C-alpha atoms as a PDB file:
ATOM      1  CA  MET A   1      -5.282 -32.719  11.230  1.00  0.00           C
ATOM      2  CA  ALA A   2      -7.193 -34.487  13.791  1.00  0.00           C
ATOM      3  CA  THR A   3      -9.289 -31.312  14.264  1.00  0.00           C
ATOM      4  CA  ASN A   4     -10.018 -30.956  10.521  1.00  0.00           C
ATOM      5  CA  LYS A   5     -11.329 -34.578  10.510  1.00  0.00           C
ATOM      6  CA  PHE A   6     -13.320 -34.025  13.590  1.00  0.00           C
ATOM      7  CA  PHE A   7     -14.780 -30.725  12.232  1.00  0.00           C
ATOM      8  CA  LYS A   8     -15.454 -32.657   8.922  1.00  0.00           C
ATOM      9  CA  SER A   9     -17.365 -36.049  10.517  1.00  0.00           C
ATOM     10  CA  LEU A  10     -19.260 -33.360  12.626  1.00  0.00           C
ATOM     11  CA  LEU A  11     -20.094 -31.479   9.328  1.00  0.00           C
ATOM     12  CA  PHE A  12     -21.362 -34.548   7.941  1.00  0.00           C
ATOM     13  CA  ALA A  13     -23.611 -35.542  10.850  1.00  0.00           C
ATOM     14  CA  SER A  14     -25.174 -32.252  10.755  1.00  0.00           C
ATOM     15  CA  THR A  15     -25.925 -32.355   6.968  1.00  0.00           C
ATOM     16  CA  ILE A  16     -27.543 -35.386   7.515  1.00  0.00           C
ATOM     17  CA  ALA A  17     -29.386 -34.367  10.634  1.00  0.00           C
ATOM     18  CA  VAL A  18     -30.556 -30.885   8.542  1.00  0.00           C
ATOM     19  CA  SER A  19     -31.668 -33.211   5.553  1.00  0.00           C
ATOM     20  CA  VAL A  20     -33.500 -35.638   7.732  1.00  0.00           C
ATOM     21  CA  PHE A  21     -35.772 -33.078  10.095  1.00  0.00           C
ATOM     22  CA  GLY A  22     -35.541 -30.128   7.694  1.00  0.00           C
ATOM     23  CA  SER A  23     -36.211 -30.766   3.836  1.00  0.00           C
ATOM     24  CA  TYR A  24     -35.179 -34.202   3.518  1.00  0.00           C
ATOM     25  CA  VAL A  25     -35.621 -35.983   0.219  1.00  0.00           C
ATOM     26  CA  PRO A  26     -35.732 -39.804   0.522  1.00  0.00           C
ATOM     27  CA  ASP A  27     -32.628 -41.645  -0.598  1.00  0.00           C
ATOM     28  CA  SER A  28     -30.737 -38.832  -1.815  1.00  0.00           C
ATOM     29  CA  VAL A  29     -27.258 -39.069  -2.407  1.00  0.00           C
ATOM     30  CA  ALA A  30     -26.506 -35.626  -3.915  1.00  0.00           C
ATOM     31  CA  TYR A  31     -24.426 -34.732  -0.739  1.00  0.00           C
ATOM     32  CA  PRO A  32     -21.782 -31.843  -1.175  1.00  0.00           C
ATOM     33  CA  VAL A  33     -20.003 -33.425   1.888  1.00  0.00           C
ATOM     34  CA  PHE A  34     -18.775 -36.196  -0.306  1.00  0.00           C
ATOM     35  CA  ALA A  35     -16.690 -33.709  -2.275  1.00  0.00           C
ATOM     36  CA  GLN A  36     -15.671 -32.260   1.027  1.00  0.00           C
ATOM     37  CA  GLN A  37     -14.338 -36.030   2.270  1.00  0.00           C
ATOM     38  CA  ASN A  38     -12.566 -36.507  -0.852  1.00  0.00           C
ATOM     39  CA  TYR A  39     -11.180 -33.414  -2.235  1.00  0.00           C
ATOM     40  CA  SER A  40      -8.923 -30.853  -0.324  1.00  0.00           C
ATOM     41  CA  ASN A  41      -9.661 -28.336  -2.497  1.00  0.00           C
ATOM     42  CA  PRO A  42     -13.064 -28.311  -4.470  1.00  0.00           C
ATOM     43  CA  ARG A  43     -11.450 -26.725  -7.477  1.00  0.00           C
ATOM     44  CA  ALA A  44      -8.610 -28.416  -9.819  1.00  0.00           C
ATOM     45  CA  ALA A  45      -6.010 -26.359 -11.378  1.00  0.00           C
ATOM     46  CA  ASN A  46      -7.915 -26.716 -14.611  1.00  0.00           C
ATOM     47  CA  GLY A  47     -10.802 -24.935 -12.863  1.00  0.00           C
ATOM     48  CA  LYS A  48     -12.986 -27.817 -12.550  1.00  0.00           C
ATOM     49  CA  LEU A  49     -15.153 -28.026  -9.566  1.00  0.00           C
ATOM     50  CA  ALA A  50     -14.967 -31.452  -7.635  1.00  0.00           C
ATOM     51  CA  CYS A  51     -18.901 -31.955  -7.828  1.00  0.00           C
ATOM     52  CA  ALA A  52     -18.517 -32.446 -11.984  1.00  0.00           C
ATOM     53  CA  ASN A  53     -16.655 -35.964 -10.918  1.00  0.00           C
ATOM     54  CA  CYS A  54     -19.732 -37.515  -9.702  1.00  0.00           C
ATOM     55  CA  HIS A  55     -22.532 -35.325 -11.795  1.00  0.00           C
ATOM     56  CA  LEU A  56     -21.615 -36.028 -15.239  1.00  0.00           C
ATOM     57  CA  ASN A  57     -24.501 -34.193 -16.911  1.00  0.00           C
ATOM     58  CA  GLN A  58     -24.043 -30.547 -17.642  1.00  0.00           C
ATOM     59  CA  LYS A  59     -26.513 -28.190 -16.751  1.00  0.00           C
ATOM     60  CA  ALA A  60     -26.610 -24.366 -16.641  1.00  0.00           C
ATOM     61  CA  ILE A  61     -26.755 -22.298 -13.430  1.00  0.00           C
ATOM     62  CA  GLU A  62     -26.925 -18.358 -13.234  1.00  0.00           C
ATOM     63  CA  ILE A  63     -24.839 -16.109 -10.724  1.00  0.00           C
ATOM     64  CA  GLU A  64     -26.085 -12.581  -9.281  1.00  0.00           C
ATOM     65  CA  ALA A  65     -23.746 -10.901  -7.074  1.00  0.00           C
ATOM     66  CA  PRO A  66     -22.802  -6.961  -6.378  1.00  0.00           C
ATOM     67  CA  GLN A  67     -20.195  -5.789  -8.945  1.00  0.00           C
ATOM     68  CA  ALA A  68     -18.294  -4.039  -6.055  1.00  0.00           C
ATOM     69  CA  VAL A  69     -18.425  -4.269  -2.329  1.00  0.00           C
ATOM     70  CA  LEU A  70     -17.069  -2.234   0.485  1.00  0.00           C
ATOM     71  CA  PRO A  71     -14.955  -3.572   3.284  1.00  0.00           C
ATOM     72  CA  ASN A  72     -16.810  -5.194   6.125  1.00  0.00           C
ATOM     73  CA  SER A  73     -19.956  -4.918   4.229  1.00  0.00           C
ATOM     74  CA  VAL A  74     -22.617  -7.823   4.014  1.00  0.00           C
ATOM     75  CA  PHE A  75     -23.875  -8.684   0.391  1.00  0.00           C
ATOM     76  CA  GLU A  76     -25.525 -11.586  -1.053  1.00  0.00           C
ATOM     77  CA  VAL A  77     -24.395 -13.940  -3.867  1.00  0.00           C
ATOM     78  CA  GLU A  78     -27.288 -15.745  -5.477  1.00  0.00           C
ATOM     79  CA  VAL A  79     -26.856 -18.786  -7.282  1.00  0.00           C
ATOM     80  CA  LYS A  80     -29.524 -20.033  -9.438  1.00  0.00           C
ATOM     81  CA  VAL A  81     -30.126 -23.677 -10.073  1.00  0.00           C
ATOM     82  CA  PRO A  82     -33.427 -24.122 -12.564  1.00  0.00           C
ATOM     83  CA  TYR A  83     -35.084 -27.215 -13.756  1.00  0.00           C
ATOM     84  CA  ASP A  84     -38.309 -28.458 -14.498  1.00  0.00           C
ATOM     85  CA  THR A  85     -40.101 -29.368 -11.271  1.00  0.00           C
ATOM     86  CA  SER A  86     -42.111 -32.042 -12.716  1.00  0.00           C
ATOM     87  CA  LYS A  87     -39.041 -34.457 -13.521  1.00  0.00           C
ATOM     88  CA  LYS A  88     -38.333 -37.074 -10.774  1.00  0.00           C
ATOM     89  CA  GLN A  89     -35.003 -38.848  -9.802  1.00  0.00           C
ATOM     90  CA  ILE A  90     -34.752 -42.464  -8.994  1.00  0.00           C
ATOM     91  CA  GLY A  91     -33.760 -42.579  -5.481  1.00  0.00           C
ATOM     92  CA  ALA A  92     -31.001 -45.033  -4.097  1.00  0.00           C
ATOM     93  CA  ASN A  93     -34.028 -46.952  -3.086  1.00  0.00           C
ATOM     94  CA  GLY A  94     -35.237 -47.294  -6.655  1.00  0.00           C
ATOM     95  CA  LYS A  95     -38.255 -45.127  -5.942  1.00  0.00           C
ATOM     96  CA  LYS A  96     -38.895 -41.899  -7.891  1.00  0.00           C
ATOM     97  CA  ALA A  97     -38.603 -38.914  -5.803  1.00  0.00           C
ATOM     98  CA  ASP A  98     -38.320 -34.787  -6.292  1.00  0.00           C
ATOM     99  CA  LEU A  99     -35.069 -33.699  -7.360  1.00  0.00           C
ATOM    100  CA  ASN A 100     -33.045 -32.007  -4.799  1.00  0.00           C
ATOM    101  CA  VAL A 101     -30.291 -29.312  -5.446  1.00  0.00           C
ATOM    102  CA  GLY A 102     -26.792 -28.696  -3.845  1.00  0.00           C
ATOM    103  CA  GLY A 103     -24.375 -25.936  -4.581  1.00  0.00           C
ATOM    104  CA  ILE A 104     -20.802 -24.683  -4.052  1.00  0.00           C
ATOM    105  CA  LEU A 105     -19.339 -20.950  -3.914  1.00  0.00           C
ATOM    106  CA  ILE A 106     -15.880 -20.219  -3.996  1.00  0.00           C
ATOM    107  CA  LEU A 107     -14.983 -16.767  -2.903  1.00  0.00           C
ATOM    108  CA  PRO A 108     -11.346 -14.800  -2.779  1.00  0.00           C
ATOM    109  CA  LYS A 109      -9.441 -15.370   0.368  1.00  0.00           C
ATOM    110  CA  GLY A 110     -10.885 -13.134   3.439  1.00  0.00           C
ATOM    111  CA  PHE A 111     -14.456 -13.519   2.260  1.00  0.00           C
ATOM    112  CA  LYS A 112     -16.605 -15.030   5.087  1.00  0.00           C
ATOM    113  CA  LEU A 113     -20.043 -16.243   5.663  1.00  0.00           C
ATOM    114  CA  ALA A 114     -22.067 -13.675   7.444  1.00  0.00           C
ATOM    115  CA  SER A 115     -23.241 -14.611  10.958  1.00  0.00           C
ATOM    116  CA  LYS A 116     -26.988 -14.782  11.880  1.00  0.00           C
ATOM    117  CA  GLN A 117     -27.109 -11.379  13.165  1.00  0.00           C
ATOM    118  CA  GLN A 118     -25.718  -9.759  10.005  1.00  0.00           C
ATOM    119  CA  ILE A 119     -28.478 -11.560   8.106  1.00  0.00           C
ATOM    120  CA  SER A 120     -31.559  -9.917   7.239  1.00  0.00           C
ATOM    121  CA  PRO A 121     -34.697 -11.307   7.761  1.00  0.00           C
ATOM    122  CA  GLU A 122     -35.822 -11.528   4.380  1.00  0.00           C
ATOM    123  CA  VAL A 123     -32.626 -13.533   3.611  1.00  0.00           C
ATOM    124  CA  LYS A 124     -33.360 -15.815   6.525  1.00  0.00           C
ATOM    125  CA  ALA A 125     -36.944 -16.415   5.207  1.00  0.00           C
ATOM    126  CA  LYS A 126     -35.785 -17.316   1.904  1.00  0.00           C
ATOM    127  CA  ASN A 127     -33.000 -19.594   3.264  1.00  0.00           C
ATOM    128  CA  LYS A 128     -35.458 -21.353   5.704  1.00  0.00           C
ATOM    129  CA  GLY A 129     -34.467 -25.031   5.581  1.00  0.00           C
ATOM    130  CA  VAL A 130     -31.138 -24.368   4.071  1.00  0.00           C
ATOM    131  CA  PHE A 131     -27.850 -25.160   5.769  1.00  0.00           C
ATOM    132  CA  ILE A 132     -24.814 -23.436   4.357  1.00  0.00           C
ATOM    133  CA  SER A 133     -21.273 -24.245   5.781  1.00  0.00           C
ATOM    134  CA  PRO A 134     -17.503 -23.659   5.307  1.00  0.00           C
ATOM    135  CA  TYR A 135     -15.840 -26.278   2.827  1.00  0.00           C
ATOM    136  CA  SER A 136     -13.363 -26.905   5.662  1.00  0.00           C
ATOM    137  CA  THR A 137     -11.678 -25.473   8.506  1.00  0.00           C
ATOM    138  CA  GLU A 138      -8.624 -24.063   6.243  1.00  0.00           C
ATOM    139  CA  LEU A 139     -10.976 -22.830   3.712  1.00  0.00           C
ATOM    140  CA  ASP A 140     -13.576 -20.749   5.129  1.00  0.00           C
ATOM    141  CA  ASN A 141     -13.768 -18.791   2.192  1.00  0.00           C
ATOM    142  CA  MET A 142     -15.569 -21.668   0.297  1.00  0.00           C
ATOM    143  CA  PHE A 143     -19.044 -22.407   0.914  1.00  0.00           C
ATOM    144  CA  VAL A 144     -21.474 -25.742   0.253  1.00  0.00           C
ATOM    145  CA  VAL A 145     -25.282 -26.319   0.641  1.00  0.00           C
ATOM    146  CA  GLY A 146     -27.409 -28.905  -0.019  1.00  0.00           C
ATOM    147  CA  PRO A 147     -29.272 -31.255  -0.542  1.00  0.00           C
ATOM    148  CA  ILE A 148     -32.200 -29.171  -0.221  1.00  0.00           C
ATOM    149  CA  SER A 149     -35.780 -29.449  -1.789  1.00  0.00           C
ATOM    150  CA  GLY A 150     -35.427 -28.352  -5.290  1.00  0.00           C
ATOM    151  CA  LYS A 151     -38.826 -27.242  -5.713  1.00  0.00           C
ATOM    152  CA  LYS A 152     -38.569 -24.457  -3.039  1.00  0.00           C
ATOM    153  CA  HIS A 153     -34.847 -23.737  -2.976  1.00  0.00           C
ATOM    154  CA  GLN A 154     -33.908 -23.237  -6.920  1.00  0.00           C
ATOM    155  CA  GLU A 155     -32.163 -20.055  -5.806  1.00  0.00           C
ATOM    156  CA  LEU A 156     -29.481 -20.413  -3.279  1.00  0.00           C
ATOM    157  CA  ILE A 157     -28.526 -17.428  -1.367  1.00  0.00           C
ATOM    158  CA  PHE A 158     -25.106 -16.928  -0.075  1.00  0.00           C
ATOM    159  CA  PRO A 159     -24.972 -14.150   2.879  1.00  0.00           C
ATOM    160  CA  VAL A 160     -21.292 -12.991   2.709  1.00  0.00           C
ATOM    161  CA  VAL A 161     -19.143 -10.658   4.754  1.00  0.00           C
ATOM    162  CA  ALA A 162     -16.208  -8.780   2.867  1.00  0.00           C
ATOM    163  CA  PRO A 163     -12.749  -8.367   4.335  1.00  0.00           C
ATOM    164  CA  ASP A 164     -11.023  -5.319   5.728  1.00  0.00           C
ATOM    165  CA  PRO A 165      -7.510  -4.388   4.085  1.00  0.00           C
ATOM    166  CA  GLU A 166      -7.071  -2.328   7.201  1.00  0.00           C
ATOM    167  CA  LYS A 167      -7.272  -5.294   9.316  1.00  0.00           C
ATOM    168  CA  ASP A 168      -5.882  -8.258   6.783  1.00  0.00           C
ATOM    169  CA  SER A 169      -2.614  -7.433   5.168  1.00  0.00           C
ATOM    170  CA  ASP A 170      -2.966 -10.239   2.978  1.00  0.00           C
ATOM    171  CA  VAL A 171      -6.222  -8.599   1.414  1.00  0.00           C
ATOM    172  CA  LYS A 172      -6.058  -5.924  -1.084  1.00  0.00           C
ATOM    173  CA  TYR A 173      -8.289  -3.489  -3.064  1.00  0.00           C
ATOM    174  CA  LEU A 174      -8.704  -5.529  -6.259  1.00  0.00           C
ATOM    175  CA  THR A 175     -10.731  -7.054  -8.682  1.00  0.00           C
ATOM    176  CA  TYR A 176     -11.199 -10.548  -7.713  1.00  0.00           C
ATOM    177  CA  PRO A 177     -12.710 -13.825  -9.363  1.00  0.00           C
ATOM    178  CA  PHE A 178     -15.161 -15.932  -7.578  1.00  0.00           C
ATOM    179  CA  TYR A 179     -16.751 -19.348  -8.675  1.00  0.00           C
ATOM    180  CA  ALA A 180     -19.868 -21.152  -8.217  1.00  0.00           C
ATOM    181  CA  GLY A 181     -21.421 -24.476  -9.139  1.00  0.00           C
ATOM    182  CA  GLY A 182     -24.919 -25.906  -8.727  1.00  0.00           C
ATOM    183  CA  ASN A 183     -26.430 -29.277  -9.336  1.00  0.00           C
ATOM    184  CA  ARG A 184     -29.775 -30.685  -9.349  1.00  0.00           C
ATOM    185  CA  GLY A 185     -30.485 -34.450  -8.920  1.00  0.00           C
ATOM    186  CA  ARG A 186     -28.165 -37.155  -7.690  1.00  0.00           C
ATOM    187  CA  GLY A 187     -24.951 -38.041  -9.350  1.00  0.00           C
ATOM    188  CA  GLN A 188     -23.819 -40.781 -11.685  1.00  0.00           C
ATOM    189  CA  VAL A 189     -20.599 -41.683  -9.667  1.00  0.00           C
ATOM    190  CA  TYR A 190     -20.137 -42.360  -5.972  1.00  0.00           C
ATOM    191  CA  PRO A 191     -16.886 -40.845  -4.718  1.00  0.00           C
ATOM    192  CA  THR A 192     -15.673 -44.467  -4.389  1.00  0.00           C
ATOM    193  CA  GLY A 193     -15.709 -44.643  -8.458  1.00  0.00           C
ATOM    194  CA  GLU A 194     -18.732 -46.815  -8.441  1.00  0.00           C
ATOM    195  CA  LYS A 195     -21.601 -46.280 -11.058  1.00  0.00           C
ATOM    196  CA  SER A 196     -25.149 -45.032  -9.118  1.00  0.00           C
ATOM    197  CA  ASN A 197     -28.388 -46.263 -10.468  1.00  0.00           C
ATOM    198  CA  VAL A 198     -28.594 -43.124 -12.142  1.00  0.00           C
ATOM    199  CA  ASN A 199     -27.068 -44.499 -15.342  1.00  0.00           C
ATOM    200  CA  VAL A 200     -27.451 -46.542 -18.443  1.00  0.00           C
ATOM    201  CA  PHE A 201     -26.317 -49.832 -18.063  1.00  0.00           C
ATOM    202  CA  GLY A 202     -24.863 -51.702 -21.042  1.00  0.00           C
ATOM    203  CA  ALA A 203     -24.611 -55.451 -22.075  1.00  0.00           C
ATOM    204  CA  THR A 204     -21.705 -56.978 -20.720  1.00  0.00           C
ATOM    205  CA  GLN A 205     -21.473 -58.939 -23.649  1.00  0.00           C
ATOM    206  CA  ALA A 206     -23.018 -59.541 -27.470  1.00  0.00           C
ATOM    207  CA  GLY A 207     -25.484 -62.427 -27.628  1.00  0.00           C
ATOM    208  CA  GLN A 208     -29.285 -63.312 -27.473  1.00  0.00           C
ATOM    209  CA  ILE A 209     -31.345 -62.170 -23.835  1.00  0.00           C
ATOM    210  CA  THR A 210     -32.724 -65.498 -22.658  1.00  0.00           C
ATOM    211  CA  SER A 211     -34.317 -64.341 -19.529  1.00  0.00           C
ATOM    212  CA  ILE A 212     -35.255 -61.528 -17.427  1.00  0.00           C
ATOM    213  CA  SER A 213     -36.126 -61.848 -13.682  1.00  0.00           C
ATOM    214  CA  ALA A 214     -36.238 -60.016 -10.461  1.00  0.00           C
ATOM    215  CA  SER A 215     -33.708 -60.479  -7.777  1.00  0.00           C
ATOM    216  CA  GLU A 216     -34.732 -60.465  -4.115  1.00  0.00           C
ATOM    217  CA  LYS A 217     -33.548 -56.821  -4.151  1.00  0.00           C
ATOM    218  CA  GLY A 218     -35.775 -56.039  -6.797  1.00  0.00           C
ATOM    219  CA  ASP A 219     -32.973 -55.237  -9.335  1.00  0.00           C
ATOM    220  CA  SER A 220     -33.659 -57.061 -12.994  1.00  0.00           C
ATOM    221  CA  MET A 221     -31.282 -59.491 -13.428  1.00  0.00           C
ATOM    222  CA  VAL A 222     -30.751 -60.152 -17.372  1.00  0.00           C
ATOM    223  CA  GLU A 223     -29.201 -63.226 -18.650  1.00  0.00           C
ATOM    224  CA  ILE A 224     -27.192 -62.928 -21.714  1.00  0.00           C
ATOM    225  CA  VAL A 225     -25.944 -66.285 -23.957  1.00  0.00           C
ATOM    226  CA  SER A 226     -22.986 -65.485 -26.463  1.00  0.00           C
ATOM    227  CA  ALA A 227     -22.885 -67.025 -29.777  1.00  0.00           C
ATOM    228  CA  SER A 228     -20.081 -69.549 -28.371  1.00  0.00           C
ATOM    229  CA  GLY A 229     -22.577 -70.564 -25.540  1.00  0.00           C
ATOM    230  CA  VAL A 230     -20.897 -68.239 -22.811  1.00  0.00           C
ATOM    231  CA  LYS A 231     -23.779 -67.378 -20.380  1.00  0.00           C
ATOM    232  CA  THR A 232     -23.643 -64.237 -18.055  1.00  0.00           C
ATOM    233  CA  SER A 233     -25.953 -62.523 -15.863  1.00  0.00           C
ATOM    234  CA  GLN A 234     -25.956 -58.978 -14.902  1.00  0.00           C
ATOM    235  CA  ALA A 235     -28.032 -56.704 -12.811  1.00  0.00           C
ATOM    236  CA  VAL A 236     -29.948 -53.589 -13.566  1.00  0.00           C
ATOM    237  CA  PRO A 237     -30.834 -51.636 -10.492  1.00  0.00           C
ATOM    238  CA  LYS A 238     -34.369 -51.598  -9.321  1.00  0.00           C
ATOM    239  CA  GLY A 239     -36.546 -48.631 -10.678  1.00  0.00           C
ATOM    240  CA  LEU A 240     -34.761 -48.641 -13.827  1.00  0.00           C
ATOM    241  CA  ASP A 241     -37.026 -48.919 -17.314  1.00  0.00           C
ATOM    242  CA  LEU A 242     -35.698 -51.824 -19.179  1.00  0.00           C
ATOM    243  CA  ILE A 243     -35.720 -51.307 -23.369  1.00  0.00           C
ATOM    244  CA  VAL A 244     -35.129 -54.758 -24.132  1.00  0.00           C
ATOM    245  CA  LYS A 245     -36.978 -58.079 -23.614  1.00  0.00           C
ATOM    246  CA  ALA A 246     -36.363 -61.716 -23.330  1.00  0.00           C
ATOM    247  CA  GLY A 247     -35.352 -63.011 -27.048  1.00  0.00           C
ATOM    248  CA  ASP A 248     -33.708 -59.929 -27.909  1.00  0.00           C
ATOM    249  CA  ILE A 249     -30.193 -59.915 -29.859  1.00  0.00           C
ATOM    250  CA  VAL A 250     -27.850 -57.152 -28.355  1.00  0.00           C
ATOM    251  CA  LYS A 251     -24.635 -55.911 -29.089  1.00  0.00           C
ATOM    252  CA  ALA A 252     -21.747 -55.529 -26.277  1.00  0.00           C
ATOM    253  CA  ASP A 253     -22.336 -52.533 -24.398  1.00  0.00           C
ATOM    254  CA  GLN A 254     -25.500 -52.025 -25.945  1.00  0.00           C
ATOM    255  CA  ASP A 255     -28.201 -50.146 -23.764  1.00  0.00           C
ATOM    256  CA  LEU A 256     -30.391 -52.142 -21.441  1.00  0.00           C
ATOM    257  CA  ASN A 257     -32.604 -49.115 -19.664  1.00  0.00           C
ATOM    258  CA  ILE A 258     -33.938 -45.835 -20.677  1.00  0.00           C
ATOM    259  CA  ASN A 259     -31.702 -43.236 -19.454  1.00  0.00           C
ATOM    260  CA  PRO A 260     -33.059 -42.235 -15.798  1.00  0.00           C
ATOM    261  CA  ASN A 261     -30.880 -38.768 -15.169  1.00  0.00           C
ATOM    262  CA  ALA A 262     -33.017 -35.913 -14.895  1.00  0.00           C
ATOM    263  CA  GLY A 263     -30.170 -33.719 -13.046  1.00  0.00           C
ATOM    264  CA  GLY A 264     -26.902 -32.335 -13.914  1.00  0.00           C
ATOM    265  CA  PHE A 265     -24.354 -29.876 -12.937  1.00  0.00           C
ATOM    266  CA  GLY A 266     -23.070 -26.248 -13.985  1.00  0.00           C
ATOM    267  CA  GLN A 267     -20.474 -23.804 -12.833  1.00  0.00           C
ATOM    268  CA  GLU A 268     -19.788 -20.210 -13.863  1.00  0.00           C
ATOM    269  CA  GLU A 269     -17.301 -17.780 -12.660  1.00  0.00           C
ATOM    270  CA  SER A 270     -17.708 -13.940 -12.074  1.00  0.00           C
ATOM    271  CA  GLU A 271     -15.770 -11.174 -10.641  1.00  0.00           C
ATOM    272  CA  ILE A 272     -16.290  -8.730  -7.658  1.00  0.00           C
ATOM    273  CA  VAL A 273     -14.333  -5.542  -6.841  1.00  0.00           C
ATOM    274  CA  LEU A 274     -13.247  -4.963  -3.181  1.00  0.00           C
ATOM    275  CA  GLN A 275     -13.715  -1.115  -3.523  1.00  0.00           C
ATOM    276  CA  ASN A 276     -11.664   1.236  -1.448  1.00  0.00           C
ATOM    277  CA  PRO A 277     -14.178   3.748   0.465  1.00  0.00           C
ATOM    278  CA  ILE A 278     -11.593   6.538   0.174  1.00  0.00           C
ATOM    279  CA  ARG A 279     -11.662   6.365  -3.837  1.00  0.00           C
ATOM    280  CA  ILE A 280     -15.299   6.516  -3.707  1.00  0.00           C
ATOM    281  CA  VAL A 281     -15.128   9.404  -1.651  1.00  0.00           C
ATOM    282  CA  GLY A 282     -12.438  11.159  -4.135  1.00  0.00           C
ATOM    283  CA  TYR A 283     -14.812  10.561  -6.912  1.00  0.00           C
ATOM    284  CA  LEU A 284     -17.720  12.097  -5.317  1.00  0.00           C
ATOM    285  CA  VAL A 285     -15.424  15.020  -4.471  1.00  0.00           C
ATOM    286  CA  PHE A 286     -14.185  15.113  -8.032  1.00  0.00           C
ATOM    287  CA  CYS A 287     -17.926  14.834  -9.270  1.00  0.00           C
ATOM    288  CA  PHE A 288     -18.887  17.887  -7.118  1.00  0.00           C
ATOM    289  CA  PHE A 289     -15.992  20.108  -8.535  1.00  0.00           C
ATOM    290  CA  VAL A 290     -16.740  19.197 -11.778  1.00  0.00           C
ATOM    291  CA  LEU A 291     -20.515  19.978 -11.271  1.00  0.00           C
ATOM    292  CA  LEU A 292     -19.445  23.363  -9.743  1.00  0.00           C
ATOM    293  CA  THR A 293     -17.217  24.044 -12.554  1.00  0.00           C
ATOM    294  CA  GLN A 294     -20.061  23.551 -14.805  1.00  0.00           C
ATOM    295  CA  ILE A 295     -22.301  25.647 -13.120  1.00  0.00           C
ATOM    296  CA  PHE A 296     -19.948  28.482 -12.807  1.00  0.00           C
ATOM    297  CA  LEU A 297     -19.233  28.228 -16.760  1.00  0.00           C
ATOM    298  CA  VAL A 298     -22.988  28.605 -17.232  1.00  0.00           C
ATOM    299  CA  LEU A 299     -23.371  31.507 -14.921  1.00  0.00           C
ATOM    300  CA  LYS A 300     -20.181  33.130 -16.736  1.00  0.00           C
ATOM    301  CA  LYS A 301     -21.858  32.655 -20.156  1.00  0.00           C
ATOM    302  CA  LYS A 302     -25.083  34.162 -19.073  1.00  0.00           C
ATOM    303  CA  GLN A 303     -23.125  36.918 -17.570  1.00  0.00           C
ATOM    304  CA  PHE A 304     -21.369  37.745 -20.676  1.00  0.00           C
ATOM    305  CA  GLU A 305     -24.287  37.481 -22.760  1.00  0.00           C
ATOM    306  CA  LYS A 306     -26.031  40.021 -20.727  1.00  0.00           C
ATOM    307  CA  VAL A 307     -22.854  42.265 -21.156  1.00  0.00           C
ATOM    308  CA  GLN A 308     -22.848  41.677 -24.764  1.00  0.00           C
ATOM    309  CA  ALA A 309     -26.730  42.555 -25.199  1.00  0.00           C
ATOM    310  CA  ALA A 310     -26.251  45.600 -23.234  1.00  0.00           C
ATOM    311  CA  GLU A 311     -23.532  47.040 -25.236  1.00  0.00           C
ATOM    312  CA  LEU A 312     -25.742  46.506 -28.280  1.00  0.00           C
ATOM    313  CA  ASN A 313     -28.708  48.218 -26.886  1.00  0.00           C
ATOM    314  CA  PHE A 314     -26.375  50.977 -26.233  1.00  0.00           C
END
């Protein structure tokens, strides 16, 4: 247990370092590592991935992977997280910044991340600035990545090594499901349950807005007085565009600002076959004999036609 906590702490520090010195986007909180710290398993019993608990908007993703792989082979699973690069997100400091992306890949047990020596130079070039790590020490068949620059990396490539059933008795030659998720932009909810500033904030009570002022932190302080004279003051985080002004009459929970969210999370699932090489050899042998049989049939037919033609001429 202590080792696992140390690993997670080290992983968190590494992710921060890569983000800061690599493809850093200011004030980003789209960290998949948050899910690592709060969920022992990122996939719930109903199939929902943990990232969806913070990234509430739904956005589509795509998966590209081989239909079948051989034992000990290195293959690539590509998760595409497309979005309009002209869109901006509100950072934790209230300033607008480019959206970043993060992703998660859940493979069957036995599948592991390929080592640096096993990755092709082309994939290394595409993944420059991308930090992929196992979800935890226990779940090394699950990988997370991000946050990274979305403008450069809307296609997340996971280089994976297939297991060998001859060496691992728990692995069989079967068809396995796998799951992937990808998010762009920041989440609407922090792991603590608090709302981030990427939200629409509603009025805490019905009444009239008497004043709107700026706090020392730059937040907009909206003061509302109800019909009974009850006065409330609520903060709308810095950087959000208000759609109300002093003197407006508002209802309880009425929106006070424009929805700033430009991102979202999506998940997909697919299947991959761990193929037995003997079956492939057997299939090729079968095809060879079928081809050979067809050739013999054609030759026999031509021989029969020649004999028949000779008898007619005689």
